[in-house]
């Protein structure tokens, strides 16, 4: 239902969930901050200036968008987002948290594997104005954020 991925689409998230690194995904295993039987959470490969180190939470089983997602995955993503948000508040000393999830091209979905964003927020950071100004980062840039979050998720 409501699928938009091209027939030859190579999901950039599925390999990362399986522990693989290749040319299809920018996600590295050092970006992984949480994993259980249903979901995984990674530091996003693209940083938004002023909101560095945001996380995406994904189902371990491929699901393009929210419409066909089994309820158990939605519940687990919600529970994990609460854990990530709490860890982020402490680890990043941020002022608040924003969660965001996009579906379909008209909803600004770019990767056709459901993913739930958790952003650290800071006073006057202009996150929504800066969402289109993302930049690809190196694993070395992301690593300190992953380490901080993992420490606070223990």
Protein backbone atom coordinates (compact mmCIF):
# COMPACT_ATOMS: atom_id res chain seq x y z
CA UNK A 1 0.00 0.00 0.00
CA UNK A 2 1.35 3.44 -0.97
CA UNK A 3 4.80 2.26 -2.01
CA UNK A 4 7.03 4.55 -4.04
CA UNK A 5 10.42 2.85 -4.15
CA UNK A 6 11.48 2.07 -7.74
CA UNK A 7 11.56 -1.61 -8.73
CA UNK A 8 15.39 -1.61 -8.77
CA UNK A 9 15.64 0.27 -5.44
CA UNK A 10 18.53 -0.78 -3.21
CA UNK A 11 17.58 0.02 0.35
CA UNK A 12 20.39 1.91 2.12
CA UNK A 13 19.16 0.87 5.57
CA UNK A 14 18.65 -2.91 5.24
CA UNK A 15 22.38 -3.71 4.87
CA UNK A 16 23.24 -1.63 7.96
CA UNK A 17 20.62 -3.45 10.05
CA UNK A 18 22.24 -6.73 8.95
CA UNK A 19 25.67 -5.47 10.01
CA UNK A 20 26.91 -4.87 6.47
CA UNK A 21 28.76 -1.87 5.13
CA UNK A 22 28.83 -1.21 1.39
CA UNK A 23 28.40 1.43 -1.29
CA UNK A 24 24.60 1.41 -0.93
CA UNK A 25 24.68 2.86 2.58
CA UNK A 26 26.63 5.58 4.34
CA UNK A 27 25.70 3.99 7.68
CA UNK A 28 28.60 2.31 9.47
CA UNK A 29 28.43 -0.12 12.37
CA UNK A 30 30.16 2.47 14.54
CA UNK A 31 26.97 4.56 14.11
CA UNK A 32 24.86 1.90 15.86
CA UNK A 33 23.70 3.09 19.29
CA UNK A 34 20.90 0.58 20.00
CA UNK A 35 19.68 -2.75 18.67
CA UNK A 36 17.12 -5.34 19.76
CA UNK A 37 15.14 -8.03 17.94
CA UNK A 38 12.77 -5.50 16.32
CA UNK A 39 14.57 -2.19 15.84
CA UNK A 40 17.97 -0.54 15.47
CA UNK A 41 19.07 3.05 16.08
CA UNK A 42 21.94 4.79 14.31
CA UNK A 43 23.54 8.23 14.34
CA UNK A 44 22.31 9.75 11.09
CA UNK A 45 24.95 10.02 8.37
CA UNK A 46 23.75 13.52 7.51
CA UNK A 47 24.11 16.29 10.07
CA UNK A 48 21.91 19.36 10.32
CA UNK A 49 23.93 22.36 11.48
CA UNK A 50 22.99 23.22 15.04
CA UNK A 51 21.49 19.76 15.70
CA UNK A 52 24.50 17.47 15.38
CA UNK A 53 24.27 13.80 16.25
CA UNK A 54 20.62 13.14 15.57
CA UNK A 55 19.43 9.53 15.50
CA UNK A 56 17.27 7.45 13.18
CA UNK A 57 15.35 4.49 14.60
CA UNK A 58 14.45 1.83 12.03
CA UNK A 59 12.62 -1.48 11.97
CA UNK A 60 15.01 -4.39 11.46
CA UNK A 61 12.53 -5.86 8.98
CA UNK A 62 12.11 -3.78 5.81
CA UNK A 63 8.98 -1.67 5.77
CA UNK A 64 8.81 1.25 3.37
CA UNK A 65 6.53 3.50 5.40
CA UNK A 66 4.11 3.69 8.30
CA UNK A 67 1.07 2.40 6.42
CA UNK A 68 2.07 -1.27 6.33
CA UNK A 69 4.20 -1.38 9.47
CA UNK A 70 3.19 -4.07 11.98
CA UNK A 71 1.95 -2.61 15.28
CA UNK A 72 4.65 -4.33 17.34
CA UNK A 73 7.34 -2.40 15.44
CA UNK A 74 5.54 0.91 15.91
CA UNK A 75 5.26 0.28 19.65
CA UNK A 76 8.94 -0.65 19.93
CA UNK A 77 10.06 2.38 17.92
CA UNK A 78 8.03 4.56 20.29
CA UNK A 79 9.61 2.95 23.37
CA UNK A 80 13.12 3.21 21.95
CA UNK A 81 12.57 6.85 20.93
CA UNK A 82 11.82 7.64 24.58
CA UNK A 83 15.08 5.94 25.66
CA UNK A 84 17.09 7.74 22.97
CA UNK A 85 15.50 11.09 23.89
CA UNK A 86 16.42 10.65 27.55
CA UNK A 87 19.97 9.63 26.71
CA UNK A 88 20.29 12.53 24.28
CA UNK A 89 19.15 15.08 26.88
CA UNK A 90 21.87 13.91 29.25
CA UNK A 91 24.66 13.13 26.77
CA UNK A 92 24.28 16.25 24.61
CA UNK A 93 23.00 18.68 27.27
CA UNK A 94 20.32 19.75 24.80
CA UNK A 95 17.38 21.98 25.69
CA UNK A 96 14.73 19.78 24.09
CA UNK A 97 13.96 16.99 21.63
CA UNK A 98 12.10 16.88 18.31
CA UNK A 99 10.91 13.67 16.70
CA UNK A 100 10.08 13.50 13.01
CA UNK A 101 8.92 10.82 10.60
CA UNK A 102 8.26 11.28 6.85
CA UNK A 103 6.14 9.15 4.51
CA UNK A 104 6.07 9.18 0.70
CA UNK A 105 7.88 11.67 -1.57
CA UNK A 106 5.28 14.39 -0.90
CA UNK A 107 5.99 13.92 2.81
CA UNK A 108 9.75 14.38 2.20
CA UNK A 109 10.64 10.69 2.55
CA UNK A 110 13.98 10.13 0.80
CA UNK A 111 15.04 6.67 1.99
CA UNK A 112 12.26 4.15 1.35
CA UNK A 113 12.72 2.25 4.62
CA UNK A 114 10.70 3.59 7.54
CA UNK A 115 12.91 5.72 9.79
CA UNK A 116 12.05 7.82 12.82
CA UNK A 117 14.27 10.83 13.54
CA UNK A 118 15.17 12.00 17.05
CA UNK A 119 16.82 15.44 17.05
CA UNK A 120 18.58 17.22 19.90
CA UNK A 121 17.22 20.76 20.14
CA UNK A 122 18.80 23.97 21.38
CA UNK A 123 17.29 27.39 21.97
CA UNK A 124 17.02 29.30 18.67
CA UNK A 125 18.60 26.46 16.64
CA UNK A 126 16.22 26.91 13.66
CA UNK A 127 16.00 23.16 13.01
CA UNK A 128 12.98 23.35 10.69
CA UNK A 129 14.56 26.10 8.58
CA UNK A 130 17.81 24.12 8.37
CA UNK A 131 16.41 20.66 7.50
CA UNK A 132 17.23 21.12 3.81
CA UNK A 133 20.82 22.14 4.67
CA UNK A 134 22.17 18.75 5.64
CA UNK A 135 25.70 17.57 5.01
CA UNK A 136 27.18 14.10 4.72
CA UNK A 137 29.59 13.40 7.56
CA UNK A 138 32.45 10.99 8.04
CA UNK A 139 32.29 8.05 10.45
CA UNK A 140 34.95 9.85 12.50
CA UNK A 141 32.68 12.90 12.92
CA UNK A 142 29.76 10.73 14.02
CA UNK A 143 31.68 8.46 16.37
CA UNK A 144 31.84 10.80 19.41
CA UNK A 145 28.05 11.22 19.28
CA UNK A 146 27.50 7.46 19.08
CA UNK A 147 29.87 6.84 21.98
CA UNK A 148 28.17 9.46 24.18
CA UNK A 149 24.72 8.03 23.50
CA UNK A 150 25.78 4.42 24.01
CA UNK A 151 27.26 5.36 27.38
CA UNK A 152 23.96 6.91 28.46
CA UNK A 153 21.85 4.03 27.10
CA UNK A 154 23.54 1.43 29.33
